[in-house]
Amino acid sequence: IFMLGTSGSDVSDMRTVLRKIEEGIIDTHISL
């Protein structure tokens, strides 16, 4: 069993989420 943890994000992660918004894969508004 592999146990991991991470803190924060990189620019690449933010660009990935931005792309998913632009492509309609996710709607970040669901979190608000």
Full PDB file with SEQRES, HELIX, SHEET, SSBOND, CRYST1, ORIGX, SCALE, CONECT and MASTER records, all heavy atoms in Angstrom:
SEQRES   1 A   32  ILE PHE MET LEU GLY THR SER GLY SER ASP VAL SER ASP          
SEQRES   2 A   32  MET ARG THR VAL LEU ARG LYS ILE GLU GLU GLY ILE ILE          
SEQRES   3 A   32  ASP THR HIS ILE SER LEU                                      
HELIX    1 AA1 VAL A   11  GLU A   22  1                                  12    
HELIX    2 AA2 THR A   28  SER A   31  5                                   4    
CRYST1    1.000    1.000    1.000  90.00  90.00  90.00 P 1           1          
ORIGX1      1.000000  0.000000  0.000000        0.00000                         
ORIGX2      0.000000  1.000000  0.000000        0.00000                         
ORIGX3      0.000000  0.000000  1.000000        0.00000                         
SCALE1      1.000000  0.000000  0.000000        0.00000                         
SCALE2      0.000000  1.000000  0.000000        0.00000                         
SCALE3      0.000000  0.000000  1.000000        0.00000                         
ATOM      1  N   ILE A   1       0.861  -1.180   0.000  1.00  0.00           N  
ATOM      2  CA  ILE A   1       0.000   0.000   0.000  1.00  0.00           C  
ATOM      3  C   ILE A   1       0.896   1.229   0.000  1.00  0.00           C  
ATOM      4  O   ILE A   1       1.752   1.379   0.879  1.00  0.00           O  
ATOM      5  CB  ILE A   1      -0.908   0.007   1.243  1.00  0.00           C  
ATOM      6  CG1 ILE A   1      -1.807  -1.233   1.243  1.00  0.00           C  
ATOM      7  CG2 ILE A   1      -1.736   1.286   1.299  1.00  0.00           C  
ATOM      8  CD1 ILE A   1      -2.498  -1.470   2.574  1.00  0.00           C  
ATOM      9  N   PHE A   2       0.703   2.099  -0.964  1.00  0.00           N  
ATOM     10  CA  PHE A   2       1.543   3.297  -1.048  1.00  0.00           C  
ATOM     11  C   PHE A   2       0.779   4.489  -0.522  1.00  0.00           C  
ATOM     12  O   PHE A   2      -0.296   4.834  -1.007  1.00  0.00           O  
ATOM     13  CB  PHE A   2       1.988   3.556  -2.484  1.00  0.00           C  
ATOM     14  CG  PHE A   2       2.954   4.704  -2.595  1.00  0.00           C  
ATOM     15  CD1 PHE A   2       4.226   4.621  -2.053  1.00  0.00           C  
ATOM     16  CD2 PHE A   2       2.585   5.891  -3.222  1.00  0.00           C  
ATOM     17  CE1 PHE A   2       5.116   5.681  -2.126  1.00  0.00           C  
ATOM     18  CE2 PHE A   2       3.468   6.952  -3.315  1.00  0.00           C  
ATOM     19  CZ  PHE A   2       4.742   6.845  -2.757  1.00  0.00           C  
ATOM     20  N   MET A   3       1.345   5.145   0.480  1.00  0.00           N  
ATOM     21  CA  MET A   3       0.730   6.313   1.112  1.00  0.00           C  
ATOM     22  C   MET A   3       1.503   7.561   0.726  1.00  0.00           C  
ATOM     23  O   MET A   3       2.710   7.653   0.974  1.00  0.00           O  
ATOM     24  CB  MET A   3       0.726   6.130   2.626  1.00  0.00           C  
ATOM     25  CG  MET A   3       0.009   7.234   3.383  1.00  0.00           C  
ATOM     26  SD  MET A   3      -0.297   6.788   5.115  1.00  0.00           S  
ATOM     27  CE  MET A   3       1.378   6.514   5.701  1.00  0.00           C  
ATOM     28  N   LEU A   4       0.793   8.507   0.112  1.00  0.00           N  
ATOM     29  CA  LEU A   4       1.433   9.744  -0.334  1.00  0.00           C  
ATOM     30  C   LEU A   4       0.705  10.940   0.239  1.00  0.00           C  
ATOM     31  O   LEU A   4      -0.397  10.834   0.775  1.00  0.00           O  
ATOM     32  CB  LEU A   4       1.459   9.819  -1.865  1.00  0.00           C  
ATOM     33  CG  LEU A   4       0.109   9.853  -2.593  1.00  0.00           C  
ATOM     34  CD1 LEU A   4      -0.391  11.296  -2.781  1.00  0.00           C  
ATOM     35  CD2 LEU A   4       0.197   9.180  -3.946  1.00  0.00           C  
ATOM     36  N   GLY A   5       1.331  12.075   0.117  1.00  0.00           N  
ATOM     37  CA  GLY A   5       0.721  13.340   0.469  1.00  0.00           C  
ATOM     38  C   GLY A   5       1.457  14.437  -0.270  1.00  0.00           C  
ATOM     39  O   GLY A   5       2.657  14.315  -0.543  1.00  0.00           O  
ATOM     40  N   THR A   6       0.757  15.485  -0.624  1.00  0.00           N  
ATOM     41  CA  THR A   6       1.378  16.605  -1.334  1.00  0.00           C  
ATOM     42  C   THR A   6       0.835  17.913  -0.783  1.00  0.00           C  
ATOM     43  O   THR A   6      -0.237  17.952  -0.173  1.00  0.00           O  
ATOM     44  CB  THR A   6       1.102  16.558  -2.845  1.00  0.00           C  
ATOM     45  OG1 THR A   6      -0.320  16.605  -3.063  1.00  0.00           O  
ATOM     46  CG2 THR A   6       1.654  15.283  -3.470  1.00  0.00           C  
ATOM     47  N   SER A   7       1.567  18.973  -1.012  1.00  0.00           N  
ATOM     48  CA  SER A   7       1.151  20.296  -0.566  1.00  0.00           C  
ATOM     49  C   SER A   7       1.343  21.286  -1.703  1.00  0.00           C  
ATOM     50  O   SER A   7       2.404  21.332  -2.315  1.00  0.00           O  
ATOM     51  CB  SER A   7       1.968  20.729   0.656  1.00  0.00           C  
ATOM     52  OG  SER A   7       1.642  22.037   1.057  1.00  0.00           O  
ATOM     53  N   GLY A   8       0.305  22.064  -1.974  1.00  0.00           N  
ATOM     54  CA  GLY A   8       0.411  23.084  -3.013  1.00  0.00           C  
ATOM     55  C   GLY A   8       0.258  22.508  -4.408  1.00  0.00           C  
ATOM     56  O   GLY A   8      -0.190  21.372  -4.614  1.00  0.00           O  
ATOM     57  N   SER A   9       0.647  23.311  -5.378  1.00  0.00           N  
ATOM     58  CA  SER A   9       0.520  22.917  -6.782  1.00  0.00           C  
ATOM     59  C   SER A   9       1.598  23.616  -7.588  1.00  0.00           C  
ATOM     60  O   SER A   9       2.251  24.537  -7.114  1.00  0.00           O  
ATOM     61  CB  SER A   9      -0.862  23.291  -7.329  1.00  0.00           C  
ATOM     62  OG  SER A   9      -1.054  24.703  -7.291  1.00  0.00           O  
ATOM     63  N   ASP A  10       1.768  23.172  -8.812  1.00  0.00           N  
ATOM     64  CA  ASP A  10       2.702  23.795  -9.740  1.00  0.00           C  
ATOM     65  C   ASP A  10       1.930  24.564 -10.812  1.00  0.00           C  
ATOM     66  O   ASP A  10       0.711  24.386 -10.978  1.00  0.00           O  
ATOM     67  CB  ASP A  10       3.583  22.738 -10.407  1.00  0.00           C  
ATOM     68  CG  ASP A  10       4.564  22.101  -9.431  1.00  0.00           C  
ATOM     69  OD1 ASP A  10       5.008  22.803  -8.504  1.00  0.00           O  
ATOM     70  OD2 ASP A  10       4.862  20.907  -9.583  1.00  0.00           O  
ATOM     71  N   VAL A  11       2.664  25.371 -11.548  1.00  0.00           N  
ATOM     72  CA  VAL A  11       2.055  26.098 -12.664  1.00  0.00           C  
ATOM     73  C   VAL A  11       1.399  25.127 -13.638  1.00  0.00           C  
ATOM     74  O   VAL A  11       0.306  25.381 -14.155  1.00  0.00           O  
ATOM     75  CB  VAL A  11       3.113  26.965 -13.376  1.00  0.00           C  
ATOM     76  CG1 VAL A  11       2.551  27.537 -14.672  1.00  0.00           C  
ATOM     77  CG2 VAL A  11       3.589  28.097 -12.463  1.00  0.00           C  
ATOM     78  N   SER A  12       2.057  23.982 -13.867  1.00  0.00           N  
ATOM     79  CA  SER A  12       1.505  22.997 -14.811  1.00  0.00           C  
ATOM     80  C   SER A  12       0.156  22.478 -14.341  1.00  0.00           C  
ATOM     81  O   SER A  12      -0.744  22.223 -15.159  1.00  0.00           O  
ATOM     82  CB  SER A  12       2.482  21.837 -15.002  1.00  0.00           C  
ATOM     83  OG  SER A  12       2.727  21.177 -13.771  1.00  0.00           O  
ATOM     84  N   ASP A  13      -0.031  22.306 -13.027  1.00  0.00           N  
ATOM     85  CA  ASP A  13      -1.315  21.845 -12.501  1.00  0.00           C  
ATOM     86  C   ASP A  13      -2.400  22.891 -12.746  1.00  0.00           C  
ATOM     87  O   ASP A  13      -3.535  22.552 -13.107  1.00  0.00           O  
ATOM     88  CB  ASP A  13      -1.211  21.571 -11.000  1.00  0.00           C  
ATOM     89  CG  ASP A  13      -0.150  20.534 -10.668  1.00  0.00           C  
ATOM     90  OD1 ASP A  13      -0.056  19.523 -11.386  1.00  0.00           O  
ATOM     91  OD2 ASP A  13       0.604  20.738  -9.689  1.00  0.00           O  
ATOM     92  N   MET A  14      -2.050  24.155 -12.569  1.00  0.00           N  
ATOM     93  CA  MET A  14      -3.028  25.213 -12.787  1.00  0.00           C  
ATOM     94  C   MET A  14      -3.403  25.313 -14.258  1.00  0.00           C  
ATOM     95  O   MET A  14      -4.574  25.523 -14.603  1.00  0.00           O  
ATOM     96  CB  MET A  14      -2.479  26.549 -12.276  1.00  0.00           C  
ATOM     97  CG  MET A  14      -2.137  26.513 -10.792  1.00  0.00           C  
ATOM     98  SD  MET A  14      -1.594  28.098 -10.109  1.00  0.00           S  
ATOM     99  CE  MET A  14      -3.176  28.833  -9.707  1.00  0.00           C  
ATOM    100  N   ARG A  15      -2.424  25.125 -15.116  1.00  0.00           N  
ATOM    101  CA  ARG A  15      -2.718  25.146 -16.554  1.00  0.00           C  
ATOM    102  C   ARG A  15      -3.604  23.955 -16.942  1.00  0.00           C  
ATOM    103  O   ARG A  15      -4.467  24.075 -17.823  1.00  0.00           O  
ATOM    104  CB  ARG A  15      -1.414  25.143 -17.355  1.00  0.00           C  
ATOM    105  CG  ARG A  15      -0.585  26.413 -17.180  1.00  0.00           C  
ATOM    106  CD  ARG A  15       0.552  26.480 -18.191  1.00  0.00           C  
ATOM    107  NE  ARG A  15       1.430  27.611 -17.946  1.00  0.00           N  
ATOM    108  CZ  ARG A  15       1.183  28.867 -18.312  1.00  0.00           C  
ATOM    109  NH1 ARG A  15       0.049  29.142 -18.953  1.00  0.00           N  
ATOM    110  NH2 ARG A  15       2.040  29.836 -18.051  1.00  0.00           N  
ATOM    111  N   THR A  16      -3.399  22.819 -16.287  1.00  0.00           N  
ATOM    112  CA  THR A  16      -4.241  21.652 -16.565  1.00  0.00           C  
ATOM    113  C   THR A  16      -5.691  21.941 -16.210  1.00  0.00           C  
ATOM    114  O   THR A  16      -6.618  21.639 -16.977  1.00  0.00           O  
ATOM    115  CB  THR A  16      -3.740  20.429 -15.776  1.00  0.00           C  
ATOM    116  OG1 THR A  16      -2.441  20.074 -16.242  1.00  0.00           O  
ATOM    117  CG2 THR A  16      -4.678  19.241 -15.962  1.00  0.00           C  
ATOM    118  N   VAL A  17      -5.911  22.544 -15.039  1.00  0.00           N  
ATOM    119  CA  VAL A  17      -7.269  22.867 -14.624  1.00  0.00           C  
ATOM    120  C   VAL A  17      -7.873  23.928 -15.538  1.00  0.00           C  
ATOM    121  O   VAL A  17      -9.046  23.822 -15.928  1.00  0.00           O  
ATOM    122  CB  VAL A  17      -7.291  23.340 -13.158  1.00  0.00           C  
ATOM    123  CG1 VAL A  17      -8.696  23.769 -12.759  1.00  0.00           C  
ATOM    124  CG2 VAL A  17      -6.802  22.231 -12.238  1.00  0.00           C  
ATOM    125  N   LEU A  18      -7.089  24.923 -15.916  1.00  0.00           N  
ATOM    126  CA  LEU A  18      -7.581  25.950 -16.836  1.00  0.00           C  
ATOM    127  C   LEU A  18      -8.016  25.319 -18.156  1.00  0.00           C  
ATOM    128  O   LEU A  18      -9.077  25.659 -18.694  1.00  0.00           O  
ATOM    129  CB  LEU A  18      -6.488  27.004 -17.069  1.00  0.00           C  
ATOM    130  CG  LEU A  18      -6.838  28.163 -18.000  1.00  0.00           C  
ATOM    131  CD1 LEU A  18      -8.031  28.944 -17.473  1.00  0.00           C  
ATOM    132  CD2 LEU A  18      -5.626  29.094 -18.161  1.00  0.00           C  
ATOM    133  N   ARG A  19      -7.208  24.381 -18.652  1.00  0.00           N  
ATOM    134  CA  ARG A  19      -7.582  23.685 -19.901  1.00  0.00           C  
ATOM    135  C   ARG A  19      -8.890  22.918 -19.723  1.00  0.00           C  
ATOM    136  O   ARG A  19      -9.765  22.936 -20.603  1.00  0.00           O  
ATOM    137  CB  ARG A  19      -6.459  22.731 -20.307  1.00  0.00           C  
ATOM    138  CG  ARG A  19      -6.812  21.860 -21.529  1.00  0.00           C  
ATOM    139  CD  ARG A  19      -5.734  20.839 -21.842  1.00  0.00           C  
ATOM    140  NE  ARG A  19      -5.481  19.930 -20.738  1.00  0.00           N  
ATOM    141  CZ  ARG A  19      -6.255  18.875 -20.430  1.00  0.00           C  
ATOM    142  NH1 ARG A  19      -7.351  18.628 -21.156  1.00  0.00           N  
ATOM    143  NH2 ARG A  19      -5.950  18.097 -19.418  1.00  0.00           N  
ATOM    144  N   LYS A  20      -9.066  22.259 -18.588  1.00  0.00           N  
ATOM    145  CA  LYS A  20     -10.287  21.488 -18.359  1.00  0.00           C  
ATOM    146  C   LYS A  20     -11.512  22.399 -18.292  1.00  0.00           C  
ATOM    147  O   LYS A  20     -12.607  22.020 -18.741  1.00  0.00           O  
ATOM    148  CB  LYS A  20     -10.164  20.676 -17.068  1.00  0.00           C  
ATOM    149  CG  LYS A  20      -9.205  19.492 -17.180  1.00  0.00           C  
ATOM    150  CD  LYS A  20      -9.176  18.671 -15.892  1.00  0.00           C  
ATOM    151  CE  LYS A  20      -8.294  17.443 -16.033  1.00  0.00           C  
ATOM    152  NZ  LYS A  20      -8.305  16.596 -14.818  1.00  0.00           N  
ATOM    153  N   ILE A  21     -11.340  23.609 -17.748  1.00  0.00           N  
ATOM    154  CA  ILE A  21     -12.439  24.570 -17.744  1.00  0.00           C  
ATOM    155  C   ILE A  21     -12.782  24.983 -19.169  1.00  0.00           C  
ATOM    156  O   ILE A  21     -13.946  24.988 -19.578  1.00  0.00           O  
ATOM    157  CB  ILE A  21     -12.065  25.808 -16.911  1.00  0.00           C  
ATOM    158  CG1 ILE A  21     -11.954  25.462 -15.430  1.00  0.00           C  
ATOM    159  CG2 ILE A  21     -13.101  26.919 -17.102  1.00  0.00           C  
ATOM    160  CD1 ILE A  21     -11.434  26.608 -14.587  1.00  0.00           C  
ATOM    161  N   GLU A  22     -11.746  25.334 -19.933  1.00  0.00           N  
ATOM    162  CA  GLU A  22     -11.962  25.820 -21.295  1.00  0.00           C  
ATOM    163  C   GLU A  22     -12.577  24.743 -22.189  1.00  0.00           C  
ATOM    164  O   GLU A  22     -13.344  25.050 -23.098  1.00  0.00           O  
ATOM    165  CB  GLU A  22     -10.629  26.302 -21.878  1.00  0.00           C  
ATOM    166  CG  GLU A  22     -10.101  27.577 -21.192  1.00  0.00           C  
ATOM    167  CD  GLU A  22      -8.694  27.920 -21.606  1.00  0.00           C  
ATOM    168  OE1 GLU A  22      -7.998  27.009 -22.109  1.00  0.00           O  
ATOM    169  OE2 GLU A  22      -8.282  29.085 -21.417  1.00  0.00           O  
ATOM    170  N   GLU A  23     -12.244  23.476 -21.917  1.00  0.00           N  
ATOM    171  CA  GLU A  23     -12.778  22.369 -22.727  1.00  0.00           C  
ATOM    172  C   GLU A  23     -14.104  21.841 -22.202  1.00  0.00           C  
ATOM    173  O   GLU A  23     -14.672  20.915 -22.778  1.00  0.00           O  
ATOM    174  CB  GLU A  23     -11.748  21.236 -22.804  1.00  0.00           C  
ATOM    175  CG  GLU A  23     -10.471  21.628 -23.553  1.00  0.00           C  
ATOM    176  CD  GLU A  23      -9.459  20.494 -23.610  1.00  0.00           C  
ATOM    177  OE1 GLU A  23      -9.764  19.382 -23.100  1.00  0.00           O  
ATOM    178  OE2 GLU A  23      -8.366  20.712 -24.164  1.00  0.00           O  
ATOM    179  N   GLY A  24     -14.597  22.417 -21.111  1.00  0.00           N  
ATOM    180  CA  GLY A  24     -15.878  21.998 -20.571  1.00  0.00           C  
ATOM    181  C   GLY A  24     -15.848  20.683 -19.827  1.00  0.00           C  
ATOM    182  O   GLY A  24     -16.903  20.079 -19.585  1.00  0.00           O  
ATOM    183  N   ILE A  25     -14.663  20.204 -19.449  1.00  0.00           N  
ATOM    184  CA  ILE A  25     -14.561  18.932 -18.736  1.00  0.00           C  
ATOM    185  C   ILE A  25     -15.041  19.104 -17.293  1.00  0.00           C  
ATOM    186  O   ILE A  25     -15.710  18.226 -16.737  1.00  0.00           O  
ATOM    187  CB  ILE A  25     -13.118  18.408 -18.773  1.00  0.00           C  
ATOM    188  CG1 ILE A  25     -12.718  18.111 -20.223  1.00  0.00           C  
ATOM    189  CG2 ILE A  25     -12.956  17.160 -17.907  1.00  0.00           C  
ATOM    190  CD1 ILE A  25     -11.258  17.742 -20.386  1.00  0.00           C  
ATOM    191  N   ILE A  26     -14.690  20.221 -16.685  1.00  0.00           N  
ATOM    192  CA  ILE A  26     -15.137  20.520 -15.322  1.00  0.00           C  
ATOM    193  C   ILE A  26     -15.691  21.931 -15.269  1.00  0.00           C  
ATOM    194  O   ILE A  26     -15.369  22.776 -16.102  1.00  0.00           O  
ATOM    195  CB  ILE A  26     -13.999  20.379 -14.281  1.00  0.00           C  
ATOM    196  CG1 ILE A  26     -12.845  21.344 -14.601  1.00  0.00           C  
ATOM    197  CG2 ILE A  26     -13.517  18.943 -14.170  1.00  0.00           C  
ATOM    198  CD1 ILE A  26     -11.787  21.406 -13.522  1.00  0.00           C  
ATOM    199  N   ASP A  27     -16.539  22.161 -14.293  1.00  0.00           N  
ATOM    200  CA  ASP A  27     -17.048  23.494 -13.993  1.00  0.00           C  
ATOM    201  C   ASP A  27     -16.665  23.785 -12.558  1.00  0.00           C  
ATOM    202  O   ASP A  27     -17.246  23.231 -11.618  1.00  0.00           O  
ATOM    203  CB  ASP A  27     -18.568  23.535 -14.170  1.00  0.00           C  
ATOM    204  CG  ASP A  27     -19.157  24.907 -13.866  1.00  0.00           C  
ATOM    205  OD1 ASP A  27     -18.390  25.814 -13.495  1.00  0.00           O  
ATOM    206  OD2 ASP A  27     -20.392  25.053 -13.982  1.00  0.00           O  
ATOM    207  N   THR A  28     -15.666  24.626 -12.348  1.00  0.00           N  
ATOM    208  CA  THR A  28     -15.191  24.889 -10.990  1.00  0.00           C  
ATOM    209  C   THR A  28     -16.259  25.561 -10.136  1.00  0.00           C  
ATOM    210  O   THR A  28     -16.152  25.560  -8.905  1.00  0.00           O  
ATOM    211  CB  THR A  28     -13.922  25.763 -11.006  1.00  0.00           C  
ATOM    212  OG1 THR A  28     -14.185  26.965 -11.739  1.00  0.00           O  
ATOM    213  CG2 THR A  28     -12.757  25.020 -11.644  1.00  0.00           C  
ATOM    214  N   HIS A  29     -17.305  26.107 -10.762  1.00  0.00           N  
ATOM    215  CA  HIS A  29     -18.376  26.744  -9.992  1.00  0.00           C  
ATOM    216  C   HIS A  29     -19.042  25.775  -9.024  1.00  0.00           C  
ATOM    217  O   HIS A  29     -19.661  26.211  -8.043  1.00  0.00           O  
ATOM    218  CB  HIS A  29     -19.448  27.312 -10.926  1.00  0.00           C  
ATOM    219  CG  HIS A  29     -19.023  28.530 -11.673  1.00  0.00           C  
ATOM    220  ND1 HIS A  29     -19.341  28.731 -13.006  1.00  0.00           N  
ATOM    221  CD2 HIS A  29     -18.305  29.619 -11.307  1.00  0.00           C  
ATOM    222  CE1 HIS A  29     -18.854  29.890 -13.409  1.00  0.00           C  
ATOM    223  NE2 HIS A  29     -18.215  30.447 -12.397  1.00  0.00           N  
ATOM    224  N   ILE A  30     -18.964  24.469  -9.282  1.00  0.00           N  
ATOM    225  CA  ILE A  30     -19.629  23.515  -8.385  1.00  0.00           C  
ATOM    226  C   ILE A  30     -19.074  23.600  -6.968  1.00  0.00           C  
ATOM    227  O   ILE A  30     -19.729  23.169  -6.018  1.00  0.00           O  
ATOM    228  CB  ILE A  30     -19.517  22.074  -8.904  1.00  0.00           C  
ATOM    229  CG1 ILE A  30     -18.071  21.562  -8.806  1.00  0.00           C  
ATOM    230  CG2 ILE A  30     -20.061  21.939 -10.303  1.00  0.00           C  
ATOM    231  CD1 ILE A  30     -17.953  20.069  -8.973  1.00  0.00           C  
ATOM    232  N   SER A  31     -17.864  24.152  -6.835  1.00  0.00           N  
ATOM    233  CA  SER A  31     -17.226  24.229  -5.515  1.00  0.00           C  
ATOM    234  C   SER A  31     -17.674  25.440  -4.714  1.00  0.00           C  
ATOM    235  O   SER A  31     -17.405  25.510  -3.509  1.00  0.00           O  
ATOM    236  CB  SER A  31     -15.702  24.296  -5.678  1.00  0.00           C  
ATOM    237  OG  SER A  31     -15.220  23.236  -6.449  1.00  0.00           O  
ATOM    238  N   LEU A  32     -18.333  26.395  -5.350  1.00  0.00           N  
ATOM    239  CA  LEU A  32     -18.635  27.664  -4.694  1.00  0.00           C  
ATOM    240  C   LEU A  32     -19.891  27.554  -3.839  1.00  0.00           C  
ATOM    241  O   LEU A  32     -20.965  27.195  -4.331  1.00  0.00           O  
ATOM    242  CB  LEU A  32     -18.807  28.777  -5.734  1.00  0.00           C  
ATOM    243  CG  LEU A  32     -18.920  30.191  -5.165  1.00  0.00           C  
ATOM    244  CD1 LEU A  32     -17.633  30.590  -4.466  1.00  0.00           C  
ATOM    245  CD2 LEU A  32     -19.270  31.195  -6.254  1.00  0.00           C  
TER     246      LEU A  32                                                      
MASTER        0    0    0    2    0    0    0    6  245    1    0    3          
END                                                                             
